Amino acid sequence: MRLTPSEALAAQAAGALLVDTRSERDRRAEGAIPGALIIERTVLEWRLDPTSRWHLPEASYDTHVVVVCNDGYSSSLAAATLQDLGLTRATDMIGGFRAWKLAGLPVHPVD
């Protein structure tokens, strides 16, 4: 089930891993979600696949992952790919970072 920005914030507060797949350029221009893990889309699978020797310590089959992109399109595909890898609790955020920001949720500048 895809999450609204408010639901994504609540999921993060409950321990979900928010993963921002936006480019550095986009994060610098628009800001970032506090506490989100930055994994650009081009490396997402091998950083979150628990069988990859390059996976992050946060990556496990039980991890609740919420993928965030700019507008909520590529994040849907990314979440589906993570599910195919066995991360059954992977989902994404409707409307992406821009919906998060529009909802007035916390954003911090990126230098």
C-alpha atoms as a PDB file:
ATOM      1  CA  MET A   1       0.000   0.000   0.000  1.00  0.00           C
ATOM      2  CA  ARG A   2       1.401   3.371  -1.012  1.00  0.00           C
ATOM      3  CA  LEU A   3       1.594   5.962   1.772  1.00  0.00           C
ATOM      4  CA  THR A   4       0.566   9.594   1.895  1.00  0.00           C
ATOM      5  CA  PRO A   5       3.215  12.006   3.170  1.00  0.00           C
ATOM      6  CA  SER A   6       1.588  12.067   6.634  1.00  0.00           C
ATOM      7  CA  GLU A   7       1.461   8.267   6.713  1.00  0.00           C
ATOM      8  CA  ALA A   8       5.118   8.130   5.645  1.00  0.00           C
ATOM      9  CA  LEU A   9       6.061  10.467   8.507  1.00  0.00           C
ATOM     10  CA  ALA A  10       4.139   8.263  10.950  1.00  0.00           C
ATOM     11  CA  ALA A  11       5.813   5.155   9.519  1.00  0.00           C
ATOM     12  CA  GLN A  12       9.220   6.792   9.930  1.00  0.00           C
ATOM     13  CA  ALA A  13       8.385   7.631  13.553  1.00  0.00           C
ATOM     14  CA  ALA A  14       7.433   3.964  14.058  1.00  0.00           C
ATOM     15  CA  GLY A  15      10.789   2.798  12.701  1.00  0.00           C
ATOM     16  CA  ALA A  16      10.323   2.598   8.932  1.00  0.00           C
ATOM     17  CA  LEU A  17      13.316   3.421   6.796  1.00  0.00           C
ATOM     18  CA  LEU A  18      12.570   6.425   4.563  1.00  0.00           C
ATOM     19  CA  VAL A  19      14.839   6.173   1.530  1.00  0.00           C
ATOM     20  CA  ASP A  20      15.336   9.307  -0.566  1.00  0.00           C
ATOM     21  CA  THR A  21      16.357   8.264  -4.082  1.00  0.00           C
ATOM     22  CA  ARG A  22      16.541  11.785  -5.497  1.00  0.00           C
ATOM     23  CA  SER A  23      19.723  13.122  -7.029  1.00  0.00           C
ATOM     24  CA  GLU A  24      22.080  15.327  -5.051  1.00  0.00           C
ATOM     25  CA  ARG A  25      21.146  18.206  -7.351  1.00  0.00           C
ATOM     26  CA  ASP A  26      17.461  17.844  -6.453  1.00  0.00           C
ATOM     27  CA  ARG A  27      18.200  17.582  -2.736  1.00  0.00           C
ATOM     28  CA  ARG A  28      20.365  20.722  -2.859  1.00  0.00           C
ATOM     29  CA  ALA A  29      17.685  22.620  -4.767  1.00  0.00           C
ATOM     30  CA  GLU A  30      14.662  21.533  -2.739  1.00  0.00           C
ATOM     31  CA  GLY A  31      15.897  20.237   0.603  1.00  0.00           C
ATOM     32  CA  ALA A  32      15.773  16.859   2.290  1.00  0.00           C
ATOM     33  CA  ILE A  33      13.623  14.903   4.710  1.00  0.00           C
ATOM     34  CA  PRO A  34      15.208  14.772   8.165  1.00  0.00           C
ATOM     35  CA  GLY A  35      16.293  11.250   9.028  1.00  0.00           C
ATOM     36  CA  ALA A  36      15.855   9.887   5.506  1.00  0.00           C
ATOM     37  CA  LEU A  37      18.540   7.575   4.211  1.00  0.00           C
ATOM     38  CA  ILE A  38      20.025   8.847   0.951  1.00  0.00           C
ATOM     39  CA  ILE A  39      20.412   6.124  -1.664  1.00  0.00           C
ATOM     40  CA  GLU A  40      20.318   7.364  -5.220  1.00  0.00           C
ATOM     41  CA  ARG A  41      18.115   5.297  -7.501  1.00  0.00           C
ATOM     42  CA  THR A  42      21.016   3.903  -9.539  1.00  0.00           C
ATOM     43  CA  VAL A  43      22.365   1.943  -6.551  1.00  0.00           C
ATOM     44  CA  LEU A  44      19.183   1.178  -4.614  1.00  0.00           C
ATOM     45  CA  GLU A  45      18.968  -2.562  -5.237  1.00  0.00           C
ATOM     46  CA  TRP A  46      22.492  -3.534  -4.298  1.00  0.00           C
ATOM     47  CA  ARG A  47      22.435  -1.290  -1.205  1.00  0.00           C
ATOM     48  CA  LEU A  48      19.142  -2.736   0.121  1.00  0.00           C
ATOM     49  CA  ASP A  49      19.291  -6.341  -1.109  1.00  0.00           C
ATOM     50  CA  PRO A  50      20.205  -8.342   2.008  1.00  0.00           C
ATOM     51  CA  THR A  51      22.074 -10.873  -0.166  1.00  0.00           C
ATOM     52  CA  SER A  52      24.363  -8.235  -1.680  1.00  0.00           C
ATOM     53  CA  ARG A  53      27.800  -8.033  -0.158  1.00  0.00           C
ATOM     54  CA  TRP A  54      27.449  -4.227  -0.397  1.00  0.00           C
ATOM     55  CA  HIS A  55      24.120  -3.999   1.426  1.00  0.00           C
ATOM     56  CA  LEU A  56      23.674  -1.458   4.187  1.00  0.00           C
ATOM     57  CA  PRO A  57      23.304  -2.662   7.778  1.00  0.00           C
ATOM     58  CA  GLU A  58      19.701  -1.373   7.788  1.00  0.00           C
ATOM     59  CA  ALA A  59      18.761  -3.739   4.951  1.00  0.00           C
ATOM     60  CA  SER A  60      16.825  -6.859   5.885  1.00  0.00           C
ATOM     61  CA  TYR A  61      13.845  -8.729   4.550  1.00  0.00           C
ATOM     62  CA  ASP A  62      11.794  -7.455   7.497  1.00  0.00           C
ATOM     63  CA  THR A  63      12.666  -3.771   7.057  1.00  0.00           C
ATOM     64  CA  HIS A  64       9.726  -1.478   6.380  1.00  0.00           C
ATOM     65  CA  VAL A  65      11.104   0.656   3.536  1.00  0.00           C
ATOM     66  CA  VAL A  66       9.346   3.759   2.190  1.00  0.00           C
ATOM     67  CA  VAL A  67      10.939   4.974  -1.048  1.00  0.00           C
ATOM     68  CA  VAL A  68      10.746   8.685  -1.875  1.00  0.00           C
ATOM     69  CA  CYS A  69      11.490  10.318  -5.241  1.00  0.00           C
ATOM     70  CA  ASN A  70      10.569  13.763  -6.581  1.00  0.00           C
ATOM     71  CA  ASP A  71       6.952  13.178  -7.581  1.00  0.00           C
ATOM     72  CA  GLY A  72       6.086   9.589  -6.659  1.00  0.00           C
ATOM     73  CA  TYR A  73       6.611   7.875 -10.009  1.00  0.00           C
ATOM     74  CA  SER A  74      10.047   6.262 -10.019  1.00  0.00           C
ATOM     75  CA  SER A  75       9.597   5.406  -6.343  1.00  0.00           C
ATOM     76  CA  SER A  76       6.682   3.118  -7.239  1.00  0.00           C
ATOM     77  CA  LEU A  77       8.891   1.178  -9.628  1.00  0.00           C
ATOM     78  CA  ALA A  78      11.716   1.090  -7.086  1.00  0.00           C
ATOM     79  CA  ALA A  79       9.413  -0.247  -4.355  1.00  0.00           C
ATOM     80  CA  ALA A  80       8.133  -2.956  -6.719  1.00  0.00           C
ATOM     81  CA  THR A  81      11.721  -3.968  -7.484  1.00  0.00           C
ATOM     82  CA  LEU A  82      12.547  -4.162  -3.776  1.00  0.00           C
ATOM     83  CA  GLN A  83       9.490  -6.363  -3.259  1.00  0.00           C
ATOM     84  CA  ASP A  84      10.745  -8.622  -6.064  1.00  0.00           C
ATOM     85  CA  LEU A  85      14.021  -8.922  -4.114  1.00  0.00           C
ATOM     86  CA  GLY A  86      12.090 -10.131  -1.078  1.00  0.00           C
ATOM     87  CA  LEU A  87      11.648  -6.915   0.888  1.00  0.00           C
ATOM     88  CA  THR A  88       7.916  -7.493   1.201  1.00  0.00           C
ATOM     89  CA  ARG A  89       7.327  -4.401   3.347  1.00  0.00           C
ATOM     90  CA  ALA A  90       8.722  -2.010   0.721  1.00  0.00           C
ATOM     91  CA  THR A  91       6.389   0.715  -0.479  1.00  0.00           C
ATOM     92  CA  ASP A  92       6.591   4.323  -1.609  1.00  0.00           C
ATOM     93  CA  MET A  93       5.111   7.728  -0.920  1.00  0.00           C
ATOM     94  CA  ILE A  94       2.336   9.183  -3.042  1.00  0.00           C
ATOM     95  CA  GLY A  95       3.421  12.469  -4.629  1.00  0.00           C
ATOM     96  CA  GLY A  96       7.055  12.107  -3.577  1.00  0.00           C
ATOM     97  CA  PHE A  97       9.168  14.733  -1.873  1.00  0.00           C
ATOM     98  CA  ARG A  98       7.238  17.587  -3.452  1.00  0.00           C
ATOM     99  CA  ALA A  99       3.987  16.359  -1.839  1.00  0.00           C
ATOM    100  CA  TRP A 100       5.838  16.027   1.484  1.00  0.00           C
ATOM    101  CA  LYS A 101       7.024  19.621   1.239  1.00  0.00           C
ATOM    102  CA  LEU A 102       3.597  20.877   0.084  1.00  0.00           C
ATOM    103  CA  ALA A 103       2.042  19.196   3.144  1.00  0.00           C
ATOM    104  CA  GLY A 104       4.298  21.334   5.351  1.00  0.00           C
ATOM    105  CA  LEU A 105       6.217  18.381   6.759  1.00  0.00           C
ATOM    106  CA  PRO A 106       9.801  18.828   8.020  1.00  0.00           C
ATOM    107  CA  VAL A 107      12.446  19.681   5.414  1.00  0.00           C
ATOM    108  CA  HIS A 108      16.022  20.735   5.983  1.00  0.00           C
ATOM    109  CA  PRO A 109      18.366  22.490   3.553  1.00  0.00           C
ATOM    110  CA  VAL A 110      21.230  20.598   1.957  1.00  0.00           C
ATOM    111  CA  ASP A 111      24.561  22.373   1.581  1.00  0.00           C
END
